[in-house]
Protein backbone atom coordinates (compact mmCIF):
# COMPACT_ATOMS: atom_id res chain seq x y z
CA MET A 1 -19.15 -31.60 67.61
CA ALA A 2 -22.67 -33.05 67.65
CA PHE A 3 -24.20 -36.40 68.32
CA PHE A 4 -25.70 -38.45 65.47
CA MET A 5 -27.33 -41.86 65.24
CA THR A 6 -25.02 -44.34 63.53
CA TYR A 7 -26.28 -47.68 62.21
CA LEU A 8 -23.92 -50.64 62.16
CA VAL A 9 -24.45 -53.96 60.49
CA ASP A 10 -22.11 -56.97 60.09
CA GLU A 11 -21.11 -57.60 56.46
CA VAL A 12 -21.44 -61.16 55.07
CA ASN A 13 -17.78 -61.12 53.91
CA GLY A 14 -16.50 -59.68 57.17
CA GLY A 15 -16.18 -56.16 58.54
CA ILE A 16 -18.83 -53.66 59.49
CA ARG A 17 -20.90 -51.27 57.42
CA ALA A 18 -21.55 -48.03 59.30
CA SER A 19 -24.21 -45.63 58.07
CA LEU A 20 -24.85 -42.06 59.07
CA PRO A 21 -28.52 -41.58 57.96
CA ASP A 22 -28.57 -37.85 58.70
CA PHE A 23 -25.63 -37.35 56.25
CA ASN A 24 -26.80 -40.02 53.76
CA LEU A 25 -23.30 -41.57 54.02
CA TYR A 26 -21.85 -44.94 54.81
CA THR A 27 -18.38 -46.50 55.27
CA PHE A 28 -16.82 -49.82 55.98
CA ALA A 29 -14.58 -50.72 58.88
CA SER A 30 -12.84 -53.85 60.09
CA ALA A 31 -13.77 -53.25 63.78
CA VAL A 32 -16.17 -51.09 65.78
CA SER A 33 -13.23 -49.12 67.13
CA GLU A 34 -12.47 -47.92 63.60
CA VAL A 35 -15.98 -46.64 62.95
CA PRO A 36 -15.64 -43.04 64.23
CA ALA A 37 -12.47 -42.34 62.14
CA ARG A 38 -13.98 -43.98 59.02
CA LEU A 39 -17.14 -41.92 59.43
CA GLN A 40 -15.07 -38.72 59.70
CA GLU A 41 -13.29 -39.65 56.48
CA ALA A 42 -16.61 -40.35 54.75
CA ILE A 43 -17.96 -36.97 55.76
CA ALA A 44 -14.87 -35.23 54.57
CA ALA A 45 -14.92 -37.07 51.23
CA GLY A 46 -18.57 -37.22 50.39
CA TYR A 47 -20.71 -34.74 52.33
CA HIS A 48 -21.50 -31.39 50.69
CA GLY A 49 -23.94 -29.45 52.73
CA LYS A 50 -24.74 -27.79 56.05
CA GLU A 51 -24.66 -29.72 59.27
CA PRO A 52 -27.88 -31.83 59.28
CA LYS A 53 -30.36 -31.94 62.09
CA SER A 54 -29.66 -34.97 64.34
CA SER A 55 -32.34 -37.68 64.22
CA GLY A 56 -33.37 -39.61 67.23
CA LEU A 57 -33.75 -43.38 67.43
CA ASP A 58 -37.57 -43.07 67.26
CA ASP A 59 -37.11 -41.33 63.88
CA LEU A 60 -35.09 -44.23 62.42
CA LYS A 61 -35.80 -47.48 64.25
CA ASP A 62 -38.69 -48.58 62.00
CA ASP A 63 -37.06 -47.62 58.71
CA PRO A 64 -36.76 -50.83 56.65
CA ARG A 65 -33.21 -49.81 55.55
CA TYR A 66 -32.01 -50.16 59.13
CA GLN A 67 -33.07 -53.61 60.32
CA GLY A 68 -30.90 -56.44 61.56
CA GLY A 69 -28.03 -54.26 62.88
CA TRP A 70 -27.50 -52.03 65.89
CA TRP A 71 -27.35 -48.31 66.70
CA LEU A 72 -24.69 -46.15 68.24
CA TRP A 73 -25.02 -42.52 69.34
CA LEU A 74 -21.67 -41.03 68.16
CA ASN A 75 -20.18 -37.62 68.72
CA ILE A 76 -19.18 -36.56 65.17
CA ASP A 77 -16.92 -33.56 64.43
CA VAL A 78 -18.89 -31.24 62.21
CA ASP A 79 -17.19 -28.03 63.30
CA ASP A 80 -15.00 -27.64 60.19
CA LEU A 81 -16.87 -29.37 57.41
CA PRO A 82 -15.73 -26.93 54.65
CA ALA A 83 -12.02 -27.13 55.69
CA ARG A 84 -12.07 -30.89 55.83
CA ARG A 85 -13.73 -31.17 52.37
CA HIS A 86 -10.83 -29.24 50.76
CA ARG A 87 -8.26 -31.45 52.35
CA SER A 88 -9.91 -34.78 51.53
CA ARG A 89 -8.82 -37.14 48.81
CA ALA A 90 -11.02 -39.27 46.59
CA VAL A 91 -12.02 -42.66 47.99
CA SER A 92 -13.85 -45.66 46.59
CA HIS A 93 -16.64 -48.03 47.73
CA GLN A 94 -14.37 -50.86 48.82
CA ARG A 95 -14.75 -53.23 51.70
CA PRO A 96 -11.93 -53.54 54.25
CA SER A 97 -8.97 -55.56 53.04
CA ARG A 98 -7.79 -58.61 54.99
CA ARG A 99 -4.97 -56.36 56.31
CA GLY A 100 -7.48 -54.27 58.29
CA GLY A 101 -7.73 -51.21 56.11
CA ALA A 102 -11.04 -49.67 55.10
CA ARG A 103 -12.22 -47.31 52.42
CA SER A 104 -15.15 -44.99 52.79
CA GLY A 105 -17.62 -43.48 50.42
CA ALA A 106 -20.93 -41.80 49.96
CA ARG A 107 -24.03 -43.93 49.58
CA SER A 108 -25.86 -43.35 46.38
CA ALA A 109 -29.47 -42.32 46.74
C-alpha cells in the first residue's frame, strides 16, 4: 500500500472523474465513496509497469490538466500489481450509468 495524489472533478453529465497522475490512469464513479474501488480496477486493467514514485501536491497543483477540481491523498494497494493484472477483465471508457455503475479505463497519452 502507498499513498498517491488523486485528482477529482465533477463531470458535466454527472458523476466524478478520478485521475491518478502518477499511474497515468483515470476512471469514472457515481460518488466519491466509489473512487478507491474504481481506481483499483483501473490500475488492474490498465497499468503495466512498476509502482510509480508518489508525487506531492506541489508537483501537480499548477499543472493545467488539473484545474477546477479537488485533490485527495489516497492509500492505493500496489502490493500485488502483477497478480491483479492477470485477473482483470477488459473495461471501456464509459461514464457511470444512471443505475450507479461505473467503468474504468486507462487515459490515452
